[in-house]
């Protein structure tokens, strides 16, 4: 019997981390990949990149890609509050061999997903044939900023940029958000779901 082909499509490396994880370095990750038979993984960005994407952080990610023998791909991070800086990083790294997409996180930026300040990254993704992966979640009483990342908020950009492949990170988590993610993935050919989550 042949083993399953497994891709871990949603992980993060590095400190600082808002979640407890005893292993955040690439070497520990490679060992876990081997342990569980994971052929490839995608680092949606290091935790430091979320706080400020830099060429230095991207070089670390490229080094991890090379150390993994091409098994650990990675995304750049775009924060609309750092539009010029992050677009400059994207321009530099878009052709790097391990860089395969762009991560956005409206709940972290405290800027709603449909805000016009995200348009430049959608335009960049369309021009460079890169997917966008976004944190998505349901409306949450214990984490109010999640309302900025519900799937329906991304719909205007999904419609405006039909060539950009868009991944609903976490498939919007729970309840109504999950149902909305399923609706969008069924309705739009450029929308995909990632099943990572906390349930």
N, C-alpha and C. Protein backbone atom coordinates (compact mmCIF):
# COMPACT_ATOMS: atom_id res chain seq x y z
N UNK A 1 0.83 -1.18 0.00
CA UNK A 1 0.00 0.00 0.00
C UNK A 1 0.88 1.25 0.00
N UNK A 2 0.56 2.20 -0.85
CA UNK A 2 1.36 3.42 -0.88
C UNK A 2 0.88 4.39 0.19
N UNK A 3 1.81 5.11 0.82
CA UNK A 3 1.41 6.05 1.87
C UNK A 3 0.66 7.24 1.27
N UNK A 4 -0.16 7.93 2.07
CA UNK A 4 -0.87 9.11 1.54
C UNK A 4 0.10 10.24 1.24
N UNK A 5 -0.26 11.07 0.29
CA UNK A 5 0.53 12.25 -0.04
C UNK A 5 -0.03 13.40 0.77
N UNK A 6 0.76 13.90 1.71
CA UNK A 6 0.26 14.90 2.66
C UNK A 6 0.99 16.23 2.47
N UNK A 7 0.22 17.30 2.40
CA UNK A 7 0.76 18.66 2.39
C UNK A 7 0.15 19.39 3.58
N UNK A 8 0.99 19.92 4.45
CA UNK A 8 0.52 20.77 5.55
C UNK A 8 0.45 22.19 5.00
N UNK A 9 -0.77 22.66 4.75
CA UNK A 9 -0.95 23.93 4.04
C UNK A 9 -1.04 25.15 4.95
N UNK A 10 -0.86 24.98 6.26
CA UNK A 10 -1.02 26.14 7.13
C UNK A 10 -0.20 25.95 8.41
N UNK A 11 0.98 26.56 8.42
CA UNK A 11 1.78 26.55 9.64
C UNK A 11 2.55 27.86 9.74
N UNK A 12 3.08 28.12 10.94
CA UNK A 12 3.88 29.31 11.20
C UNK A 12 5.11 28.89 11.99
N UNK A 13 6.22 29.55 11.73
CA UNK A 13 7.43 29.28 12.50
C UNK A 13 7.84 30.54 13.25
N UNK A 14 8.70 30.35 14.25
CA UNK A 14 9.39 31.45 14.88
C UNK A 14 8.69 32.13 16.03
N UNK A 15 9.50 32.81 16.84
CA UNK A 15 9.03 33.68 17.92
C UNK A 15 8.88 35.09 17.37
N UNK A 16 8.11 35.98 18.01
CA UNK A 16 7.23 35.68 19.13
C UNK A 16 5.96 35.02 18.62
N UNK A 17 5.36 34.21 19.46
CA UNK A 17 4.17 33.49 19.03
C UNK A 17 3.04 33.76 20.00
N UNK A 18 1.84 34.00 19.47
CA UNK A 18 0.70 34.27 20.34
C UNK A 18 0.07 32.99 20.85
N UNK A 19 0.49 31.85 20.32
CA UNK A 19 -0.01 30.56 20.77
C UNK A 19 1.15 29.79 21.39
N UNK A 20 0.85 28.97 22.40
CA UNK A 20 1.91 28.14 22.96
C UNK A 20 2.29 27.05 21.97
N UNK A 21 3.56 26.94 21.73
CA UNK A 21 4.09 25.86 20.89
C UNK A 21 5.51 25.59 21.35
N UNK A 22 5.79 24.39 21.79
CA UNK A 22 7.14 24.10 22.28
C UNK A 22 8.18 24.02 21.17
N UNK A 23 7.74 23.88 19.93
CA UNK A 23 8.67 23.76 18.80
C UNK A 23 8.32 24.80 17.76
N UNK A 24 9.19 25.77 17.56
CA UNK A 24 8.91 26.81 16.57
C UNK A 24 10.03 26.94 15.53
N UNK A 25 11.06 26.11 15.67
CA UNK A 25 12.18 26.22 14.74
C UNK A 25 12.00 25.24 13.58
N UNK A 26 12.67 25.55 12.48
CA UNK A 26 12.51 24.76 11.26
C UNK A 26 12.99 23.33 11.43
N UNK A 27 14.08 23.10 12.15
CA UNK A 27 14.60 21.73 12.29
C UNK A 27 13.61 20.83 13.02
N UNK A 28 12.96 21.35 14.06
CA UNK A 28 11.92 20.57 14.74
C UNK A 28 10.77 20.29 13.79
N UNK A 29 10.44 21.27 12.98
CA UNK A 29 9.36 21.09 12.01
C UNK A 29 9.71 20.00 11.00
N UNK A 30 10.94 20.01 10.49
CA UNK A 30 11.34 18.98 9.53
C UNK A 30 11.21 17.59 10.15
N UNK A 31 11.62 17.48 11.43
CA UNK A 31 11.52 16.18 12.12
C UNK A 31 10.05 15.74 12.23
N UNK A 32 9.15 16.66 12.56
CA UNK A 32 7.72 16.32 12.64
C UNK A 32 7.17 15.94 11.27
N UNK A 33 7.59 16.65 10.24
CA UNK A 33 7.15 16.30 8.89
C UNK A 33 7.52 14.87 8.56
N UNK A 34 8.76 14.50 8.89
CA UNK A 34 9.21 13.12 8.62
C UNK A 34 8.44 12.12 9.48
N UNK A 35 8.21 12.47 10.74
CA UNK A 35 7.50 11.58 11.66
C UNK A 35 6.10 11.25 11.15
N UNK A 36 5.41 12.25 10.60
CA UNK A 36 4.02 12.07 10.19
C UNK A 36 3.85 11.85 8.69
N UNK A 37 4.95 11.72 7.98
CA UNK A 37 4.86 11.45 6.55
C UNK A 37 4.35 12.62 5.74
N UNK A 38 4.68 13.83 6.16
CA UNK A 38 4.26 15.04 5.44
C UNK A 38 5.32 15.36 4.39
N UNK A 39 4.92 15.33 3.13
CA UNK A 39 5.88 15.56 2.05
C UNK A 39 6.25 17.03 1.91
N UNK A 40 5.26 17.93 1.98
CA UNK A 40 5.49 19.36 1.80
C UNK A 40 4.70 20.14 2.85
N UNK A 41 5.18 21.35 3.14
CA UNK A 41 4.46 22.23 4.05
C UNK A 41 4.60 23.67 3.55
N UNK A 42 3.67 24.50 3.99
CA UNK A 42 3.68 25.91 3.60
C UNK A 42 3.66 26.76 4.86
N UNK A 43 4.76 27.48 5.06
CA UNK A 43 4.85 28.41 6.17
C UNK A 43 4.15 29.69 5.75
N UNK A 44 2.96 29.94 6.29
CA UNK A 44 2.20 31.11 5.86
C UNK A 44 2.81 32.42 6.31
N UNK A 45 3.84 32.38 7.05
CA UNK A 45 4.73 33.48 7.42
C UNK A 45 5.22 33.20 8.84
N UNK A 46 6.40 33.69 9.12
CA UNK A 46 6.90 33.57 10.48
C UNK A 46 6.13 34.56 11.36
N UNK A 47 6.12 34.31 12.65
CA UNK A 47 5.43 35.21 13.56
C UNK A 47 6.08 36.60 13.54
N UNK A 48 7.39 36.67 13.29
CA UNK A 48 8.04 37.98 13.19
C UNK A 48 7.58 38.74 11.95
N UNK A 49 7.31 38.03 10.86
CA UNK A 49 6.83 38.69 9.64
C UNK A 49 5.50 39.38 9.87
N UNK A 50 4.65 38.79 10.70
CA UNK A 50 3.36 39.42 11.00
C UNK A 50 3.58 40.77 11.67
N UNK A 51 4.61 40.86 12.49
CA UNK A 51 4.90 42.12 13.19
C UNK A 51 5.62 43.12 12.29
N UNK A 52 6.11 42.67 11.15
CA UNK A 52 6.80 43.55 10.21
C UNK A 52 7.59 42.74 9.21
N UNK A 53 7.05 42.58 8.02
CA UNK A 53 7.71 41.78 6.98
C UNK A 53 8.97 42.50 6.52
N UNK A 54 10.09 41.81 6.51
CA UNK A 54 11.36 42.40 6.09
C UNK A 54 12.08 41.43 5.17
N UNK A 55 13.04 41.97 4.42
CA UNK A 55 13.88 41.11 3.57
C UNK A 55 14.62 40.11 4.45
N UNK A 56 15.04 40.54 5.64
CA UNK A 56 15.75 39.63 6.55
C UNK A 56 14.90 38.42 6.91
N UNK A 57 13.62 38.65 7.26
CA UNK A 57 12.73 37.53 7.60
C UNK A 57 12.50 36.64 6.38
N UNK A 58 12.40 37.23 5.21
CA UNK A 58 12.19 36.45 3.99
C UNK A 58 13.43 35.61 3.67
N UNK A 59 14.61 36.15 3.98
CA UNK A 59 15.84 35.36 3.77
C UNK A 59 15.88 34.17 4.71
N UNK A 60 15.39 34.35 5.93
CA UNK A 60 15.30 33.22 6.86
C UNK A 60 14.38 32.15 6.27
N UNK A 61 13.23 32.56 5.76
CA UNK A 61 12.27 31.62 5.17
C UNK A 61 12.87 30.91 3.95
N UNK A 62 13.60 31.65 3.13
CA UNK A 62 14.24 31.04 1.97
C UNK A 62 15.31 30.04 2.42
N UNK A 63 16.03 30.38 3.49
CA UNK A 63 17.03 29.45 4.05
C UNK A 63 16.37 28.18 4.55
N UNK A 64 15.20 28.31 5.19
CA UNK A 64 14.47 27.12 5.66
C UNK A 64 13.99 26.28 4.48
N UNK A 65 13.55 26.94 3.42
CA UNK A 65 13.15 26.22 2.21
C UNK A 65 14.32 25.41 1.66
N UNK A 66 15.50 26.03 1.60
CA UNK A 66 16.67 25.34 1.07
C UNK A 66 17.12 24.21 2.01
N UNK A 67 17.09 24.47 3.33
CA UNK A 67 17.48 23.44 4.31
C UNK A 67 16.57 22.23 4.27
N UNK A 68 15.31 22.46 3.89
CA UNK A 68 14.35 21.37 3.84
C UNK A 68 14.45 20.56 2.56
N UNK A 69 15.35 20.95 1.68
CA UNK A 69 15.44 20.27 0.39
C UNK A 69 14.24 20.61 -0.51
N UNK A 70 13.70 21.83 -0.32
CA UNK A 70 12.58 22.25 -1.14
C UNK A 70 11.23 21.74 -0.67
N UNK A 71 11.13 21.36 0.60
CA UNK A 71 9.86 20.82 1.13
C UNK A 71 9.04 21.85 1.90
N UNK A 72 9.69 22.91 2.40
CA UNK A 72 9.00 23.91 3.22
C UNK A 72 8.91 25.23 2.44
N UNK A 73 7.81 25.40 1.72
CA UNK A 73 7.57 26.64 0.99
C UNK A 73 7.09 27.71 1.97
N UNK A 74 6.98 28.94 1.52
CA UNK A 74 6.59 30.01 2.43
C UNK A 74 5.85 31.13 1.69
N UNK A 75 5.15 31.94 2.48
CA UNK A 75 4.44 33.11 1.97
C UNK A 75 5.07 34.38 2.55
N UNK A 76 4.91 35.47 1.82
CA UNK A 76 5.23 36.79 2.36
C UNK A 76 3.99 37.30 3.08
N UNK A 77 4.16 38.36 3.86
CA UNK A 77 3.05 38.92 4.62
C UNK A 77 2.81 40.35 4.17
N UNK A 78 1.54 40.71 4.03
CA UNK A 78 1.18 42.08 3.66
C UNK A 78 0.26 42.66 4.73
N UNK A 79 0.66 43.83 5.24
CA UNK A 79 -0.13 44.58 6.21
C UNK A 79 -0.42 45.94 5.59
N UNK A 80 -1.70 46.29 5.40
CA UNK A 80 -2.00 47.57 4.74
C UNK A 80 -1.49 48.80 5.49
N UNK A 81 -1.15 48.64 6.76
CA UNK A 81 -0.57 49.77 7.50
C UNK A 81 0.88 50.00 7.11
N UNK A 82 1.49 49.01 6.45
CA UNK A 82 2.88 49.10 5.99
C UNK A 82 2.93 48.90 4.47
N UNK A 83 2.00 49.51 3.79
CA UNK A 83 1.81 49.24 2.36
C UNK A 83 3.10 49.38 1.56
N UNK A 84 3.78 50.51 1.65
CA UNK A 84 4.98 50.73 0.83
C UNK A 84 6.08 49.75 1.17
N UNK A 85 6.33 49.54 2.47
CA UNK A 85 7.40 48.63 2.89
C UNK A 85 7.11 47.20 2.45
N UNK A 86 5.87 46.75 2.66
CA UNK A 86 5.54 45.36 2.34
C UNK A 86 5.50 45.11 0.84
N UNK A 87 5.03 46.09 0.06
CA UNK A 87 5.06 45.92 -1.39
C UNK A 87 6.50 45.88 -1.91
N UNK A 88 7.39 46.63 -1.28
CA UNK A 88 8.81 46.59 -1.68
C UNK A 88 9.40 45.21 -1.40
N UNK A 89 9.05 44.62 -0.26
CA UNK A 89 9.53 43.27 0.05
C UNK A 89 8.97 42.27 -0.97
N UNK A 90 7.70 42.42 -1.31
CA UNK A 90 7.09 41.53 -2.30
C UNK A 90 7.77 41.66 -3.66
N UNK A 91 8.08 42.87 -4.07
CA UNK A 91 8.76 43.08 -5.36
C UNK A 91 10.10 42.35 -5.39
N UNK A 92 10.81 42.40 -4.27
CA UNK A 92 12.13 41.77 -4.20
C UNK A 92 12.03 40.25 -4.18
N UNK A 93 11.03 39.71 -3.51
CA UNK A 93 11.01 38.26 -3.25
C UNK A 93 10.06 37.45 -4.14
N UNK A 94 9.28 38.12 -4.96
CA UNK A 94 8.24 37.42 -5.74
C UNK A 94 8.80 36.30 -6.60
N UNK A 95 10.04 36.41 -7.03
CA UNK A 95 10.61 35.39 -7.91
C UNK A 95 11.53 34.40 -7.16
N UNK A 96 11.63 34.54 -5.86
CA UNK A 96 12.44 33.60 -5.10
C UNK A 96 11.77 32.23 -5.16
N UNK A 97 12.59 31.21 -5.26
CA UNK A 97 12.08 29.88 -5.56
C UNK A 97 11.10 29.34 -4.52
N UNK A 98 11.31 29.63 -3.25
CA UNK A 98 10.44 29.07 -2.21
C UNK A 98 9.20 29.88 -1.91
N UNK A 99 9.14 31.13 -2.40
CA UNK A 99 8.02 32.02 -2.08
C UNK A 99 6.85 31.70 -2.99
N UNK A 100 5.73 31.28 -2.40
CA UNK A 100 4.61 30.77 -3.20
C UNK A 100 3.28 31.49 -2.97
N UNK A 101 3.25 32.54 -2.16
CA UNK A 101 1.99 33.22 -1.94
C UNK A 101 2.12 34.39 -0.98
N UNK A 102 0.98 35.01 -0.70
CA UNK A 102 0.93 36.19 0.16
C UNK A 102 -0.13 35.96 1.24
N UNK A 103 0.23 36.25 2.48
CA UNK A 103 -0.69 36.10 3.62
C UNK A 103 -1.18 37.48 4.05
N UNK A 104 -2.49 37.59 4.30
CA UNK A 104 -3.05 38.80 4.90
C UNK A 104 -3.85 38.41 6.14
N UNK A 105 -4.02 39.37 7.06
CA UNK A 105 -4.68 39.05 8.34
C UNK A 105 -5.44 40.29 8.82
N UNK A 106 -6.64 40.53 8.26
CA UNK A 106 -7.40 41.72 8.65
C UNK A 106 -7.67 41.84 10.15
N UNK A 107 -7.90 40.74 10.84
CA UNK A 107 -8.18 40.81 12.28
C UNK A 107 -6.97 41.32 13.04
N UNK A 108 -5.77 40.94 12.60
CA UNK A 108 -4.55 41.42 13.25
C UNK A 108 -4.31 42.89 12.94
N UNK A 109 -4.50 43.27 11.67
CA UNK A 109 -4.27 44.66 11.26
C UNK A 109 -5.36 45.61 11.77
N UNK A 110 -6.51 45.04 12.20
CA UNK A 110 -7.67 45.83 12.63
C UNK A 110 -8.20 46.70 11.47
N UNK A 111 -8.09 46.15 10.25
CA UNK A 111 -8.59 46.81 9.05
C UNK A 111 -9.46 45.80 8.32
N UNK A 112 -10.74 46.10 8.08
CA UNK A 112 -11.63 45.11 7.48
C UNK A 112 -11.16 44.62 6.12
N UNK A 113 -11.46 43.38 5.82
CA UNK A 113 -10.96 42.71 4.63
C UNK A 113 -11.33 43.41 3.33
N UNK A 114 -12.48 44.09 3.30
CA UNK A 114 -12.92 44.74 2.07
C UNK A 114 -12.34 46.15 1.90
N UNK A 115 -11.52 46.59 2.85
CA UNK A 115 -10.95 47.94 2.80
C UNK A 115 -10.08 48.12 1.55
N UNK A 116 -10.15 49.30 0.94
CA UNK A 116 -9.42 49.59 -0.30
C UNK A 116 -7.91 49.49 -0.13
N UNK A 117 -7.43 49.57 1.11
CA UNK A 117 -5.98 49.49 1.32
C UNK A 117 -5.42 48.09 1.05
N UNK A 118 -6.30 47.09 0.88
CA UNK A 118 -5.84 45.76 0.48
C UNK A 118 -5.74 45.63 -1.04
N UNK A 119 -6.33 46.55 -1.77
CA UNK A 119 -6.35 46.42 -3.23
C UNK A 119 -4.96 46.30 -3.85
N UNK A 120 -3.95 47.07 -3.40
CA UNK A 120 -2.63 46.93 -4.02
C UNK A 120 -2.06 45.51 -3.95
N UNK A 121 -2.34 44.78 -2.86
CA UNK A 121 -1.78 43.43 -2.77
C UNK A 121 -2.54 42.47 -3.69
N UNK A 122 -3.84 42.69 -3.87
CA UNK A 122 -4.60 41.89 -4.83
C UNK A 122 -4.08 42.15 -6.25
N UNK A 123 -3.81 43.41 -6.55
CA UNK A 123 -3.25 43.76 -7.86
C UNK A 123 -1.89 43.10 -8.06
N UNK A 124 -1.06 43.13 -7.01
CA UNK A 124 0.26 42.49 -7.07
C UNK A 124 0.12 40.99 -7.29
N UNK A 125 -0.79 40.37 -6.56
CA UNK A 125 -1.00 38.93 -6.69
C UNK A 125 -1.45 38.57 -8.11
N UNK A 126 -2.34 39.38 -8.68
CA UNK A 126 -2.81 39.13 -10.04
C UNK A 126 -1.67 39.27 -11.04
N UNK A 127 -0.83 40.28 -10.86
CA UNK A 127 0.27 40.53 -11.80
C UNK A 127 1.35 39.47 -11.73
N UNK A 128 1.52 38.84 -10.57
CA UNK A 128 2.60 37.87 -10.37
C UNK A 128 2.10 36.43 -10.23
N UNK A 129 0.82 36.21 -10.47
CA UNK A 129 0.23 34.87 -10.38
C UNK A 129 0.52 34.21 -9.04
N UNK A 130 0.26 34.93 -7.97
CA UNK A 130 0.46 34.42 -6.61
C UNK A 130 -0.88 34.32 -5.90
N UNK A 131 -1.12 33.23 -5.17
CA UNK A 131 -2.36 33.16 -4.39
C UNK A 131 -2.28 34.05 -3.16
N UNK A 132 -3.44 34.43 -2.66
CA UNK A 132 -3.55 35.14 -1.38
C UNK A 132 -4.22 34.20 -0.39
N UNK A 133 -3.62 34.09 0.78
CA UNK A 133 -4.20 33.31 1.88
C UNK A 133 -4.57 34.31 2.97
N UNK A 134 -5.78 34.24 3.46
CA UNK A 134 -6.21 35.17 4.51
C UNK A 134 -6.69 34.41 5.73
N UNK A 135 -6.38 34.95 6.88
CA UNK A 135 -7.03 34.47 8.10
C UNK A 135 -8.51 34.80 7.97
N UNK A 136 -9.37 33.80 8.15
CA UNK A 136 -10.82 34.03 8.17
C UNK A 136 -11.40 33.36 9.40
N UNK A 137 -12.47 33.94 9.92
CA UNK A 137 -13.10 33.37 11.12
C UNK A 137 -14.55 33.80 11.18
N UNK A 138 -15.26 33.24 12.14
CA UNK A 138 -16.65 33.61 12.41
C UNK A 138 -16.68 34.80 13.36
N UNK A 139 -17.83 35.44 13.46
CA UNK A 139 -18.01 36.49 14.46
C UNK A 139 -17.81 35.84 15.83
N UNK A 140 -17.05 36.50 16.69
CA UNK A 140 -16.65 35.89 17.96
C UNK A 140 -16.90 36.83 19.12
N UNK A 141 -17.58 36.34 20.15
CA UNK A 141 -17.82 37.15 21.34
C UNK A 141 -16.55 37.31 22.17
N UNK A 142 -15.66 36.32 22.12
CA UNK A 142 -14.45 36.38 22.94
C UNK A 142 -13.28 37.04 22.22
N UNK A 143 -13.41 37.26 20.90
CA UNK A 143 -12.36 37.92 20.12
C UNK A 143 -13.03 38.82 19.09
N UNK A 144 -13.47 40.01 19.49
CA UNK A 144 -14.29 40.87 18.62
C UNK A 144 -13.66 41.23 17.28
N UNK A 145 -12.33 41.29 17.19
CA UNK A 145 -11.70 41.69 15.92
C UNK A 145 -11.89 40.65 14.81
N UNK A 146 -12.35 39.45 15.18
CA UNK A 146 -12.60 38.44 14.15
C UNK A 146 -13.67 38.89 13.15
N UNK A 147 -14.52 39.81 13.56
CA UNK A 147 -15.57 40.29 12.65
C UNK A 147 -14.97 40.95 11.41
N UNK A 148 -13.72 41.35 11.46
CA UNK A 148 -13.04 41.98 10.32
C UNK A 148 -12.59 40.97 9.28
N UNK A 149 -12.65 39.67 9.61
CA UNK A 149 -12.14 38.62 8.72
C UNK A 149 -13.18 37.56 8.38
N UNK A 150 -14.46 37.90 8.45
CA UNK A 150 -15.48 36.92 8.05
C UNK A 150 -15.45 36.76 6.52
N UNK A 151 -15.75 35.59 6.00
CA UNK A 151 -15.58 35.34 4.56
C UNK A 151 -16.29 36.34 3.65
N UNK A 152 -17.50 36.76 4.01
CA UNK A 152 -18.25 37.67 3.14
C UNK A 152 -17.54 39.00 2.93
N UNK A 153 -16.68 39.41 3.87
CA UNK A 153 -15.96 40.67 3.72
C UNK A 153 -14.95 40.62 2.56
N UNK A 154 -14.49 39.41 2.21
CA UNK A 154 -13.52 39.28 1.12
C UNK A 154 -14.19 39.24 -0.25
N UNK A 155 -15.50 39.09 -0.25
CA UNK A 155 -16.22 38.86 -1.51
C UNK A 155 -16.01 39.96 -2.55
N UNK A 156 -16.01 41.25 -2.17
CA UNK A 156 -15.77 42.28 -3.20
C UNK A 156 -14.44 42.09 -3.93
N UNK A 157 -13.38 41.72 -3.22
CA UNK A 157 -12.08 41.53 -3.85
C UNK A 157 -12.06 40.25 -4.69
N UNK A 158 -12.73 39.22 -4.20
CA UNK A 158 -12.82 37.96 -4.95
C UNK A 158 -13.48 38.22 -6.30
N UNK A 159 -14.53 39.02 -6.30
CA UNK A 159 -15.23 39.35 -7.55
C UNK A 159 -14.38 40.24 -8.45
N UNK A 160 -13.71 41.21 -7.86
CA UNK A 160 -12.93 42.18 -8.63
C UNK A 160 -11.68 41.56 -9.24
N UNK A 161 -11.12 40.52 -8.57
CA UNK A 161 -9.88 39.89 -9.03
C UNK A 161 -10.10 38.39 -9.25
N UNK A 162 -10.87 38.02 -10.26
CA UNK A 162 -11.22 36.61 -10.45
C UNK A 162 -10.03 35.72 -10.81
N UNK A 163 -8.92 36.31 -11.24
CA UNK A 163 -7.74 35.49 -11.58
C UNK A 163 -6.89 35.18 -10.34
N UNK A 164 -7.13 35.87 -9.24
CA UNK A 164 -6.34 35.63 -8.03
C UNK A 164 -6.95 34.47 -7.26
N UNK A 165 -6.16 33.41 -7.07
CA UNK A 165 -6.60 32.29 -6.25
C UNK A 165 -6.59 32.74 -4.80
N UNK A 166 -7.71 32.53 -4.13
CA UNK A 166 -7.88 33.03 -2.78
C UNK A 166 -8.21 31.88 -1.84
N UNK A 167 -7.43 31.76 -0.77
CA UNK A 167 -7.61 30.67 0.20
C UNK A 167 -8.17 31.23 1.50
N UNK A 168 -9.31 30.69 1.92
CA UNK A 168 -9.93 31.07 3.19
C UNK A 168 -9.24 30.28 4.30
N UNK A 169 -8.23 30.90 4.92
CA UNK A 169 -7.53 30.24 6.01
C UNK A 169 -8.46 29.88 7.14
N UNK A 170 -8.36 28.68 7.65
CA UNK A 170 -9.20 28.13 8.72
C UNK A 170 -10.64 27.87 8.28
N UNK A 171 -10.95 28.14 7.01
CA UNK A 171 -12.34 27.99 6.53
C UNK A 171 -13.34 28.70 7.44
N UNK A 172 -12.89 29.84 7.97
CA UNK A 172 -13.72 30.70 8.84
C UNK A 172 -14.08 30.07 10.17
N UNK A 173 -13.36 29.05 10.58
CA UNK A 173 -13.49 28.54 11.93
C UNK A 173 -14.74 27.75 12.23
N UNK A 174 -15.81 28.41 12.60
CA UNK A 174 -16.98 27.72 13.16
C UNK A 174 -18.29 28.28 12.63
N UNK A 175 -19.36 27.54 12.85
CA UNK A 175 -20.73 28.01 12.70
C UNK A 175 -21.02 28.72 11.40
N UNK A 176 -21.58 29.94 11.52
CA UNK A 176 -22.00 30.70 10.35
C UNK A 176 -20.82 31.02 9.44
N UNK A 177 -19.67 31.28 10.01
CA UNK A 177 -18.49 31.56 9.20
C UNK A 177 -18.12 30.38 8.33
N UNK A 178 -18.17 29.18 8.90
CA UNK A 178 -17.85 27.98 8.12
C UNK A 178 -18.86 27.80 6.98
N UNK A 179 -20.13 28.02 7.27
CA UNK A 179 -21.15 27.91 6.22
C UNK A 179 -20.92 28.93 5.11
N UNK A 180 -20.51 30.13 5.49
CA UNK A 180 -20.24 31.17 4.51
C UNK A 180 -19.02 30.80 3.65
N UNK A 181 -18.00 30.21 4.27
CA UNK A 181 -16.82 29.77 3.53
C UNK A 181 -17.20 28.71 2.51
N UNK A 182 -18.03 27.77 2.90
CA UNK A 182 -18.48 26.71 1.99
C UNK A 182 -19.26 27.32 0.82
N UNK A 183 -20.13 28.30 1.13
CA UNK A 183 -20.88 28.95 0.06
C UNK A 183 -19.95 29.61 -0.95
N UNK A 184 -18.96 30.37 -0.45
CA UNK A 184 -18.07 31.09 -1.35
C UNK A 184 -17.22 30.14 -2.18
N UNK A 185 -16.72 29.08 -1.56
CA UNK A 185 -15.91 28.11 -2.31
C UNK A 185 -16.73 27.43 -3.39
N UNK A 186 -18.03 27.24 -3.14
CA UNK A 186 -18.90 26.64 -4.14
C UNK A 186 -19.28 27.61 -5.24
N UNK A 187 -19.33 28.89 -4.91
CA UNK A 187 -19.81 29.90 -5.86
C UNK A 187 -18.72 30.47 -6.75
N UNK A 188 -17.49 30.55 -6.25
CA UNK A 188 -16.40 31.19 -7.00
C UNK A 188 -15.29 30.18 -7.31
N UNK A 189 -14.90 30.12 -8.57
CA UNK A 189 -13.86 29.18 -8.99
C UNK A 189 -12.50 29.52 -8.41
N UNK A 190 -12.28 30.77 -7.99
CA UNK A 190 -10.99 31.19 -7.47
C UNK A 190 -10.89 31.15 -5.94
N UNK A 191 -11.92 30.58 -5.28
CA UNK A 191 -11.91 30.52 -3.81
C UNK A 191 -11.71 29.08 -3.34
N UNK A 192 -10.80 28.92 -2.38
CA UNK A 192 -10.46 27.60 -1.83
C UNK A 192 -10.51 27.66 -0.32
N UNK A 193 -10.62 26.50 0.32
CA UNK A 193 -10.69 26.42 1.78
C UNK A 193 -9.50 25.67 2.34
N UNK A 194 -9.00 26.16 3.46
CA UNK A 194 -7.95 25.45 4.20
C UNK A 194 -8.57 25.02 5.51
N UNK A 195 -8.40 23.76 5.86
CA UNK A 195 -9.16 23.18 6.99
C UNK A 195 -8.43 23.26 8.32
N UNK A 196 -7.36 24.06 8.41
CA UNK A 196 -6.71 24.21 9.71
C UNK A 196 -7.64 24.95 10.66
N UNK A 197 -7.48 24.72 11.95
CA UNK A 197 -8.35 25.42 12.90
C UNK A 197 -8.08 24.98 14.30
N UNK A 198 -8.98 25.34 15.22
CA UNK A 198 -8.77 25.00 16.62
C UNK A 198 -9.86 24.08 17.16
N UNK A 199 -10.66 23.49 16.26
CA UNK A 199 -11.73 22.62 16.74
C UNK A 199 -11.24 21.19 16.87
